[in-house]
Amino acid sequence: MLGKPPLTQGLSRGFCEACIVNTGAGYYSHPLRCDVFVHCSQSGDNRTELKSDCITGEILNELDCQEFALKCLFWTKIRDTLIICFNLYPCKQPGRIAYREVFSCAAYYKCKNGTRESQRTCCEDRYRFDEISQKCVEDKLCRSNCHNKITLVSDSPPLIPLCTKKAALDDVRFYIQDVHGYNYRMPCPLGTIFSLDACSCIRGRRNITNIIKRCEPFIHLPFDKDWKDYSKYPKGTGARSVTILPIEGASGSSAAFFNDSSVTVWALNNMFFGSNFTLSFRFRPVEKTNGRFALVDNSDCDKSATFGVAYERTETSRTIYGGFILNDESVVRLQANLKPDQWHSVTLLKTGFRVELWVDGLKTSKLGSADIKRLDCSLTIGRGTNLDPFIGFIDDLQFFKCTPEEYL
């Protein structure tokens, strides 16, 4: 979102209790500084607090307790808050004799008669400036020596910059925050874009048509005339007992699956998906027998799938299931009821910590903070481990290693 790598963890017990309950993440103003915010995140019983800075000249909007509503605002637009926002003029704060430079752990400025000295001062190596005590304290992780980035302590040179953010491949207005091995998709504030070089959001254009890499299908099986991949760079596929019929496809035809039918896409074998996964397709079952039928998953090698969509028919109900097994071995499963004897559109996605199942335009969602577990099995259509083979029609299957704009 903003600023440099996280500077503080474990602020206080209960600091992240409120906003985190409904969304799995929350944002709080820092108790001492109005240009600093705290990002709170949770996975199971584990809670983490990360402190980050607004970019220079901006302060935190107090309306920060809504999902993705956090913004740092230009202070010139809200001068009425300056009475309580001392850190814009930090030396005017009563009792303040020095304050830390925002993007350094070791650099600080001294205050004299309510104004700061023009020359900055530096703590010694392996010491950081502590704002509460207003003096240098020992910290073996602080090796910045008044450089602009905090660095990790290392027994041998060179020092490695500590940046826990990665670029979101589909949208420069977002970045991926790494929190103890879990990836969180985070938005930059209004009017900024993520810079990997700066390891923060910087001011940039909002015209996303010029700066966003288009999210295109990695796999596209239209099933118009055959079962081959028609993405920009076609991948190898294999089929068994699949027939293309002129049955209500999105563009005229669809693939008919019977008891022994399947299509395999080998390119997804052992693929690292991270938390960027979107699978969409249309299907219509043949209403003959009850059971739980494989639609799409990655269990072609008789292992338990780590992603998948399945359809269940009973005497009284029709249900679709979709979900993932994640790196921390947690299972995220979603389901929705279906109407019988008709076509259905399905999208299963994971973007950051959001897991969603879209069925016929309606969404169900859950949180899943870890990445999708990697598996040395290929994407398979119509057949899966411990599932009945699908009987019916499947059409226009697409897989993305990103999130299409309509789901952002």
Protein backbone atom coordinates (compact mmCIF):
# COMPACT_ATOMS: atom_id res chain seq x y z
CA MET A 1 0.00 0.00 0.00
CA LEU A 2 2.31 2.76 1.15
CA GLY A 3 5.80 3.40 2.32
CA LYS A 4 8.80 1.17 2.84
CA PRO A 5 9.09 -2.33 4.29
CA PRO A 6 7.35 -3.07 7.61
CA LEU A 7 9.16 -1.45 10.52
CA THR A 8 7.42 -2.81 13.61
CA GLN A 9 5.63 -5.98 14.63
CA GLY A 10 3.65 -6.93 17.74
CA LEU A 11 2.58 -3.41 18.72
CA SER A 12 0.29 -4.49 21.56
CA ARG A 13 -2.17 -7.22 22.41
CA GLY A 14 -5.64 -6.39 21.16
CA PHE A 15 -4.43 -3.65 18.83
CA CYS A 16 -5.93 -5.38 15.80
CA GLU A 17 -9.14 -6.74 17.30
CA ALA A 18 -11.91 -4.66 15.72
CA CYS A 19 -11.68 -4.27 11.94
CA ILE A 20 -10.15 -7.66 11.38
CA VAL A 21 -13.25 -9.59 12.42
CA ASN A 22 -15.27 -9.37 9.21
CA THR A 23 -12.64 -8.98 6.51
CA GLY A 24 -9.57 -10.82 7.75
CA ALA A 25 -7.62 -7.56 7.56
CA GLY A 26 -7.85 -4.13 9.09
CA TYR A 27 -6.09 -0.77 9.11
CA TYR A 28 -5.38 1.48 12.08
CA SER A 29 -3.74 4.83 12.60
CA HIS A 30 -0.49 4.65 14.52
CA PRO A 31 -0.80 5.86 18.13
CA LEU A 32 2.09 8.32 17.76
CA ARG A 33 2.18 9.36 14.11
CA CYS A 34 -0.52 10.40 11.67
CA ASP A 35 1.56 9.64 8.56
CA VAL A 36 1.90 5.99 9.61
CA PHE A 37 -0.71 3.24 9.51
CA VAL A 38 -0.80 -0.30 10.81
CA HIS A 39 -2.00 -3.18 8.62
CA CYS A 40 -3.47 -6.03 10.66
CA SER A 41 -3.93 -9.47 9.12
CA GLN A 42 -5.07 -12.83 10.41
CA SER A 43 -4.78 -16.47 9.35
CA GLY A 44 -6.47 -18.89 11.72
CA ASP A 45 -5.35 -17.98 15.23
CA ASN A 46 -2.25 -16.14 14.03
CA ARG A 47 -2.45 -12.35 13.95
CA THR A 48 0.19 -10.02 12.55
CA GLU A 49 0.64 -6.24 12.72
CA LEU A 50 2.80 -4.45 10.15
CA LYS A 51 3.64 -0.76 10.30
CA SER A 52 3.99 1.24 7.06
CA ASP A 53 4.41 4.88 6.11
CA CYS A 54 2.34 7.14 3.93
CA ILE A 55 4.37 8.64 1.13
CA THR A 56 6.00 11.95 1.98
CA GLY A 57 3.55 14.82 2.50
CA GLU A 58 0.49 12.67 3.17
CA ILE A 59 -1.34 11.64 6.33
CA LEU A 60 -3.77 8.88 7.19
CA ASN A 61 -7.48 9.28 6.52
CA GLU A 62 -9.28 8.54 9.80
CA LEU A 63 -12.02 6.66 7.92
CA ASP A 64 -9.77 3.63 7.74
CA CYS A 65 -11.98 0.86 9.11
CA GLN A 66 -13.51 -0.36 5.86
CA GLU A 67 -12.17 -3.04 3.56
CA PHE A 68 -9.75 -1.42 1.08
CA ALA A 69 -10.91 2.05 2.21
CA LEU A 70 -7.56 3.16 3.57
CA LYS A 71 -6.16 6.24 1.88
CA CYS A 72 -3.39 8.61 2.78
CA LEU A 73 -4.46 12.16 1.96
CA PHE A 74 -2.44 15.21 1.02
CA TRP A 75 -2.14 17.25 4.20
CA THR A 76 -2.75 20.52 2.31
CA LYS A 77 -6.36 19.40 1.79
CA ILE A 78 -7.11 18.88 5.47
CA ARG A 79 -5.31 21.64 7.35
CA ASP A 80 -7.93 21.60 10.11
CA THR A 81 -6.39 18.37 11.39
CA LEU A 82 -2.94 19.86 11.84
CA ILE A 83 -3.68 20.82 15.45
CA ILE A 84 -3.51 17.15 16.45
CA CYS A 85 -1.23 15.99 13.68
CA PHE A 86 2.08 17.14 15.10
CA ASN A 87 4.28 14.99 12.94
CA LEU A 88 3.74 17.24 9.92
CA TYR A 89 5.61 19.78 12.02
CA PRO A 90 7.10 17.27 14.49
CA CYS A 91 9.38 19.72 16.28
CA LYS A 92 6.32 21.68 17.47
CA GLN A 93 5.16 18.69 19.51
CA PRO A 94 5.64 19.38 23.24
CA GLY A 95 8.69 17.59 24.60
CA ARG A 96 9.97 16.64 21.16
CA ILE A 97 13.77 16.97 20.90
CA ALA A 98 14.29 14.73 17.85
CA TYR A 99 12.32 12.64 15.36
CA ARG A 100 13.08 9.81 12.94
CA GLU A 101 13.40 10.26 9.20
CA VAL A 102 10.48 8.35 7.69
CA PHE A 103 12.31 5.89 5.44
CA SER A 104 15.39 5.12 7.54
CA CYS A 105 15.83 3.20 10.76
CA ALA A 106 18.98 5.07 11.79
CA ALA A 107 18.52 8.66 10.58
CA TYR A 108 16.88 11.39 12.66
CA TYR A 109 16.57 15.16 12.93
CA LYS A 110 17.17 17.21 16.06
CA CYS A 111 14.70 19.88 17.14
CA LYS A 112 15.64 23.30 18.50
CA ASN A 113 13.15 25.97 19.59
CA GLY A 114 10.30 24.26 17.72
CA THR A 115 12.13 23.91 14.41
CA ARG A 116 14.29 21.15 13.04
CA GLU A 117 17.97 21.41 12.30
CA SER A 118 18.67 21.19 8.57
CA GLN A 119 21.40 18.55 8.93
CA ARG A 120 20.22 15.05 9.76
CA THR A 121 21.99 12.92 12.35
CA CYS A 122 22.72 9.19 12.16
CA CYS A 123 22.79 6.47 14.76
CA GLU A 124 25.75 4.11 14.74
CA ASP A 125 25.61 0.89 12.74
CA ARG A 126 23.32 -1.72 14.37
CA TYR A 127 21.48 1.04 16.23
CA ARG A 128 18.12 2.57 15.34
CA PHE A 129 16.44 5.78 16.40
CA ASP A 130 13.59 5.09 18.84
CA GLU A 131 10.86 7.73 18.65
CA ILE A 132 9.45 7.12 22.11
CA SER A 133 12.73 7.47 24.00
CA GLN A 134 14.05 9.88 21.31
CA LYS A 135 17.49 8.29 21.33
CA CYS A 136 19.49 5.59 19.54
CA VAL A 137 18.92 2.06 20.82
CA GLU A 138 20.66 -1.18 19.89
CA ASP A 139 19.04 -3.06 16.98
CA LYS A 140 21.09 -5.65 15.08
CA LEU A 141 18.66 -5.58 12.15
CA CYS A 142 19.27 -1.89 11.48
CA ARG A 143 22.21 -1.81 9.09
CA SER A 144 21.02 1.17 7.06
CA ASN A 145 23.68 3.63 8.23
CA CYS A 146 21.29 6.41 7.14
CA HIS A 147 20.53 4.93 3.75
CA ASN A 148 16.96 4.98 2.48
CA LYS A 149 16.19 1.29 3.01
CA ILE A 150 16.28 -0.93 6.03
CA THR A 151 18.53 -3.91 5.41
CA LEU A 152 18.81 -7.37 6.86
CA VAL A 153 21.76 -8.17 9.08
CA SER A 154 24.18 -10.46 7.26
CA ASP A 155 27.43 -12.13 8.27
CA SER A 156 28.93 -11.38 4.89
CA PRO A 157 28.48 -8.60 2.32
CA PRO A 158 26.59 -7.52 0.39
CA LEU A 159 23.68 -6.46 2.56
CA ILE A 160 20.31 -7.61 1.21
CA PRO A 161 17.50 -5.04 1.00
CA LEU A 162 14.45 -6.13 2.98
CA CYS A 163 11.41 -5.72 0.75
CA THR A 164 8.39 -7.87 1.52
CA LYS A 165 6.30 -6.59 -1.40
CA LYS A 166 5.91 -7.96 -4.93
CA ALA A 167 4.23 -6.43 -7.96
CA ALA A 168 0.72 -7.64 -8.82
CA LEU A 169 1.14 -8.79 -12.41
CA ASP A 170 -2.36 -7.83 -13.55
CA ASP A 171 -2.70 -4.33 -12.08
CA VAL A 172 -0.08 -1.72 -11.12
CA ARG A 173 -2.52 -0.21 -8.60
CA PHE A 174 -2.01 -3.29 -6.40
CA TYR A 175 0.91 -5.14 -4.87
CA ILE A 176 1.41 -8.47 -3.07
CA GLN A 177 2.48 -8.21 0.58
CA ASP A 178 4.36 -11.20 1.99
CA VAL A 179 3.49 -11.82 5.64
CA HIS A 180 5.34 -14.82 7.09
CA GLY A 181 4.97 -16.77 3.85
CA TYR A 182 1.37 -15.73 3.16
CA ASN A 183 0.53 -13.40 0.28
CA TYR A 184 -1.97 -10.56 0.63
CA ARG A 185 -3.18 -8.54 -2.34
CA MET A 186 -3.08 -4.88 -1.26
CA PRO A 187 -4.29 -1.72 -3.04
CA CYS A 188 -2.21 1.41 -3.47
CA PRO A 189 -3.90 4.68 -2.41
CA LEU A 190 -5.75 6.78 -4.94
CA GLY A 191 -3.44 8.34 -7.51
CA THR A 192 -0.49 6.02 -6.91
CA ILE A 193 0.95 2.90 -8.51
CA PHE A 194 3.31 0.27 -7.15
CA SER A 195 7.04 0.58 -7.89
CA LEU A 196 9.22 -2.48 -7.31
CA ASP A 197 12.36 -0.32 -7.31
CA ALA A 198 10.99 1.89 -4.54
CA CYS A 199 9.33 -1.04 -2.77
CA SER A 200 6.30 1.18 -2.24
CA CYS A 201 3.46 2.97 -3.96
CA ILE A 202 4.53 6.12 -5.77
CA ARG A 203 2.58 8.84 -7.48
CA GLY A 204 1.56 7.74 -10.96
CA ARG A 205 -1.15 7.84 -13.59
CA ARG A 206 -4.56 6.31 -12.93
CA ASN A 207 -5.23 5.67 -16.62
CA ILE A 208 -5.20 1.90 -16.29
CA THR A 209 -5.60 1.33 -20.03
CA ASN A 210 -2.05 2.61 -20.45
CA ILE A 211 -0.34 1.00 -17.49
CA ILE A 212 -2.06 -2.31 -16.76
CA LYS A 213 -0.86 -5.50 -18.36
CA ARG A 214 -3.95 -7.09 -19.87
CA CYS A 215 -5.07 -10.31 -18.18
CA GLU A 216 -5.25 -12.85 -21.00
CA PRO A 217 -6.12 -16.57 -20.85
CA PHE A 218 -3.21 -18.93 -20.24
CA ILE A 219 -5.47 -21.75 -21.45
CA HIS A 220 -8.54 -21.37 -23.71
CA LEU A 221 -10.54 -24.38 -24.89
CA PRO A 222 -13.55 -22.99 -26.81
CA PHE A 223 -14.68 -26.50 -27.89
CA ASP A 224 -15.96 -25.08 -31.18
CA LYS A 225 -14.39 -27.62 -33.54
CA ASP A 226 -11.99 -29.66 -31.41
CA TRP A 227 -10.53 -29.94 -27.90
CA LYS A 228 -7.32 -27.94 -28.56
CA ASP A 229 -5.99 -24.87 -26.78
CA TYR A 230 -6.53 -21.57 -28.63
CA SER A 231 -4.78 -19.22 -26.23
CA LYS A 232 -2.12 -16.77 -27.45
CA TYR A 233 0.57 -19.42 -26.96
CA PRO A 234 -1.20 -22.79 -27.42
CA LYS A 235 -0.35 -25.60 -24.98
CA GLY A 236 -0.52 -29.32 -25.57
CA THR A 237 -3.75 -31.12 -24.71
CA GLY A 238 -4.95 -34.69 -24.86
CA ALA A 239 -8.49 -36.05 -25.12
CA ARG A 240 -10.24 -39.37 -24.71
CA SER A 241 -13.71 -40.12 -26.12
CA VAL A 242 -14.70 -36.45 -26.40
CA THR A 243 -17.12 -35.43 -29.15
CA ILE A 244 -17.76 -31.89 -30.38
CA LEU A 245 -21.48 -31.37 -30.99
CA PRO A 246 -23.54 -28.34 -32.09
CA ILE A 247 -25.20 -28.15 -28.66
CA GLU A 248 -25.75 -24.61 -27.35
CA GLY A 249 -22.10 -23.63 -27.12
CA ALA A 250 -21.09 -20.04 -26.51
CA SER A 251 -20.20 -19.81 -30.21
CA GLY A 252 -22.12 -22.72 -31.64
CA SER A 253 -20.71 -26.00 -30.32
CA SER A 254 -19.70 -27.71 -27.08
CA ALA A 255 -17.86 -30.83 -25.93
CA ALA A 256 -19.87 -33.93 -25.04
CA PHE A 257 -18.53 -36.06 -22.18
CA PHE A 258 -19.61 -39.64 -21.50
CA ASN A 259 -18.55 -42.23 -18.92
CA ASP A 260 -14.95 -42.54 -20.12
CA SER A 261 -14.41 -39.02 -21.54
CA SER A 262 -11.70 -36.59 -20.42
CA VAL A 263 -9.46 -33.75 -21.61
CA THR A 264 -6.02 -33.16 -20.07
CA VAL A 265 -3.94 -29.96 -20.23
CA TRP A 266 -0.36 -30.91 -19.39
CA ALA A 267 0.96 -27.35 -19.12
CA LEU A 268 -0.54 -26.94 -15.64
CA ASN A 269 1.36 -29.91 -14.22
CA ASN A 270 3.35 -28.86 -11.13
CA MET A 271 2.60 -25.21 -11.85
CA PHE A 272 3.12 -22.58 -9.14
CA PHE A 273 -0.15 -20.65 -9.02
CA GLY A 274 0.59 -18.52 -5.97
CA SER A 275 -2.61 -16.64 -5.24
CA ASN A 276 -3.43 -15.67 -8.83
CA PHE A 277 -5.85 -18.24 -10.23
CA THR A 278 -9.02 -17.85 -12.32
CA LEU A 279 -10.87 -20.78 -13.93
CA SER A 280 -14.11 -20.28 -15.86
CA PHE A 281 -16.31 -22.49 -18.03
CA ARG A 282 -19.90 -23.40 -18.93
CA PHE A 283 -21.49 -26.79 -18.40
CA ARG A 284 -24.77 -28.67 -18.63
CA PRO A 285 -25.14 -32.09 -16.98
CA VAL A 286 -27.21 -34.92 -18.40
CA GLU A 287 -29.75 -35.68 -15.69
CA LYS A 288 -29.48 -39.47 -15.49
CA THR A 289 -28.02 -40.74 -12.22
CA ASN A 290 -27.15 -39.43 -8.78
CA GLY A 291 -23.54 -38.94 -7.71
CA ARG A 292 -20.69 -36.47 -7.34
CA PHE A 293 -19.17 -35.78 -10.75
CA ALA A 294 -15.77 -34.36 -11.71
CA LEU A 295 -15.89 -31.16 -13.77
CA VAL A 296 -12.38 -29.67 -13.63
CA ASP A 297 -9.47 -30.32 -11.24
CA ASN A 298 -5.80 -31.37 -11.12
CA SER A 299 -6.12 -34.97 -9.94
CA ASP A 300 -5.30 -36.77 -13.19
CA CYS A 301 -2.52 -38.71 -11.43
CA ASP A 302 -4.78 -40.26 -8.77
CA LYS A 303 -3.77 -37.74 -6.11
CA SER A 304 -6.05 -35.41 -4.16
CA ALA A 305 -6.63 -32.26 -6.22
CA THR A 306 -5.39 -28.91 -4.91
CA PHE A 307 -7.96 -27.03 -6.99
CA GLY A 308 -11.20 -28.24 -8.45
CA VAL A 309 -14.87 -27.87 -9.31
CA ALA A 310 -17.34 -30.76 -8.93
CA TYR A 311 -21.09 -31.23 -9.43
CA GLU A 312 -23.38 -33.25 -7.17
CA ARG A 313 -26.84 -34.60 -8.02
CA THR A 314 -29.27 -36.14 -5.53
CA GLU A 315 -32.97 -36.89 -5.75
CA THR A 316 -33.79 -33.50 -4.24
CA SER A 317 -30.89 -31.15 -5.02
CA ARG A 318 -28.22 -30.03 -7.47
CA THR A 319 -25.02 -28.56 -5.96
CA ILE A 320 -21.71 -27.31 -7.31
CA TYR A 321 -18.52 -27.28 -5.23
CA GLY A 322 -15.30 -25.38 -5.83
CA GLY A 323 -12.18 -24.80 -3.79
CA PHE A 324 -8.48 -25.16 -3.05
CA ILE A 325 -5.97 -26.88 -0.79
CA LEU A 326 -3.44 -24.27 0.32
CA ASN A 327 0.23 -24.43 1.27
CA ASP A 328 -0.61 -24.45 4.98
CA GLU A 329 -2.78 -27.56 4.32
CA SER A 330 -5.97 -25.62 4.98
CA VAL A 331 -8.96 -26.37 2.73
CA VAL A 332 -11.14 -23.60 1.34
CA ARG A 333 -14.39 -24.96 -0.13
CA LEU A 334 -17.36 -23.07 -1.54
CA GLN A 335 -20.68 -24.35 -2.80
CA ALA A 336 -23.85 -23.13 -4.50
CA ASN A 337 -27.22 -24.62 -5.38
CA LEU A 338 -28.17 -25.13 -9.04
CA LYS A 339 -31.36 -25.32 -11.01
CA PRO A 340 -31.75 -28.60 -12.98
CA ASP A 341 -31.82 -29.10 -16.74
CA GLN A 342 -30.00 -25.95 -17.87
CA TRP A 343 -26.59 -24.48 -18.72
CA HIS A 344 -24.53 -22.99 -15.89
CA SER A 345 -21.59 -20.56 -15.97
CA VAL A 346 -18.88 -21.11 -13.34
CA THR A 347 -15.82 -19.13 -12.24
CA LEU A 348 -13.49 -20.24 -9.45
CA LEU A 349 -10.80 -17.74 -8.50
CA LYS A 350 -8.20 -16.87 -5.91
CA THR A 351 -6.73 -13.39 -5.92
CA GLY A 352 -4.65 -12.50 -2.89
CA PHE A 353 -6.57 -13.74 0.13
CA ARG A 354 -9.95 -13.68 -1.67
CA VAL A 355 -11.43 -17.02 -2.77
CA GLU A 356 -14.62 -16.75 -4.83
CA LEU A 357 -17.02 -19.08 -6.61
CA TRP A 358 -19.25 -17.41 -9.19
CA VAL A 359 -22.20 -19.47 -10.43
CA ASP A 360 -24.66 -18.00 -12.92
CA GLY A 361 -23.65 -14.48 -11.91
CA LEU A 362 -23.97 -15.02 -8.13
CA LYS A 363 -20.91 -15.00 -5.86
CA THR A 364 -19.96 -16.87 -2.70
CA SER A 365 -16.63 -16.07 -1.05
CA LYS A 366 -14.24 -16.95 1.76
CA LEU A 367 -10.76 -15.95 2.90
CA GLY A 368 -7.68 -18.05 2.20
CA SER A 369 -4.41 -16.34 3.06
CA ALA A 370 -1.87 -18.95 1.93
CA ASP A 371 -0.92 -19.72 -1.68
CA ILE A 372 -2.42 -22.66 -3.60
CA LYS A 373 -0.54 -25.89 -2.92
CA ARG A 374 1.62 -27.09 -5.78
CA LEU A 375 0.92 -30.55 -7.24
CA ASP A 376 2.63 -32.58 -9.96
CA CYS A 377 -0.66 -33.31 -11.74
CA SER A 378 -2.25 -31.76 -14.82
CA LEU A 379 -5.56 -29.99 -15.28
CA THR A 380 -8.17 -32.58 -16.19
CA ILE A 381 -11.72 -32.05 -17.43
CA GLY A 382 -14.44 -34.62 -16.88
CA ARG A 383 -12.54 -37.02 -14.62
CA GLY A 384 -11.07 -36.80 -11.10
CA THR A 385 -9.84 -38.84 -8.15
CA ASN A 386 -12.68 -40.29 -6.02
CA LEU A 387 -15.29 -38.65 -8.26
CA ASP A 388 -17.69 -40.03 -10.84
CA PRO A 389 -16.87 -39.24 -14.49
CA PHE A 390 -18.92 -36.33 -15.77
CA ILE A 391 -21.77 -36.96 -18.20
CA GLY A 392 -22.92 -33.89 -20.08
CA PHE A 393 -21.61 -30.89 -22.01
CA ILE A 394 -18.75 -28.48 -21.25
CA ASP A 395 -18.03 -25.31 -23.18
CA ASP A 396 -15.58 -22.39 -23.40
CA LEU A 397 -13.10 -23.26 -20.65
CA GLN A 398 -10.54 -20.58 -19.79
CA PHE A 399 -7.77 -20.50 -17.20
CA PHE A 400 -5.93 -17.30 -16.20
CA LYS A 401 -2.78 -16.84 -14.12
CA CYS A 402 -4.17 -13.45 -13.19
CA THR A 403 -7.52 -11.87 -12.32
CA PRO A 404 -9.70 -10.58 -15.19
CA GLU A 405 -10.80 -6.99 -14.71
CA GLU A 406 -14.46 -7.90 -14.07
CA TYR A 407 -13.44 -9.73 -10.88
CA LEU A 408 -11.11 -7.07 -9.42
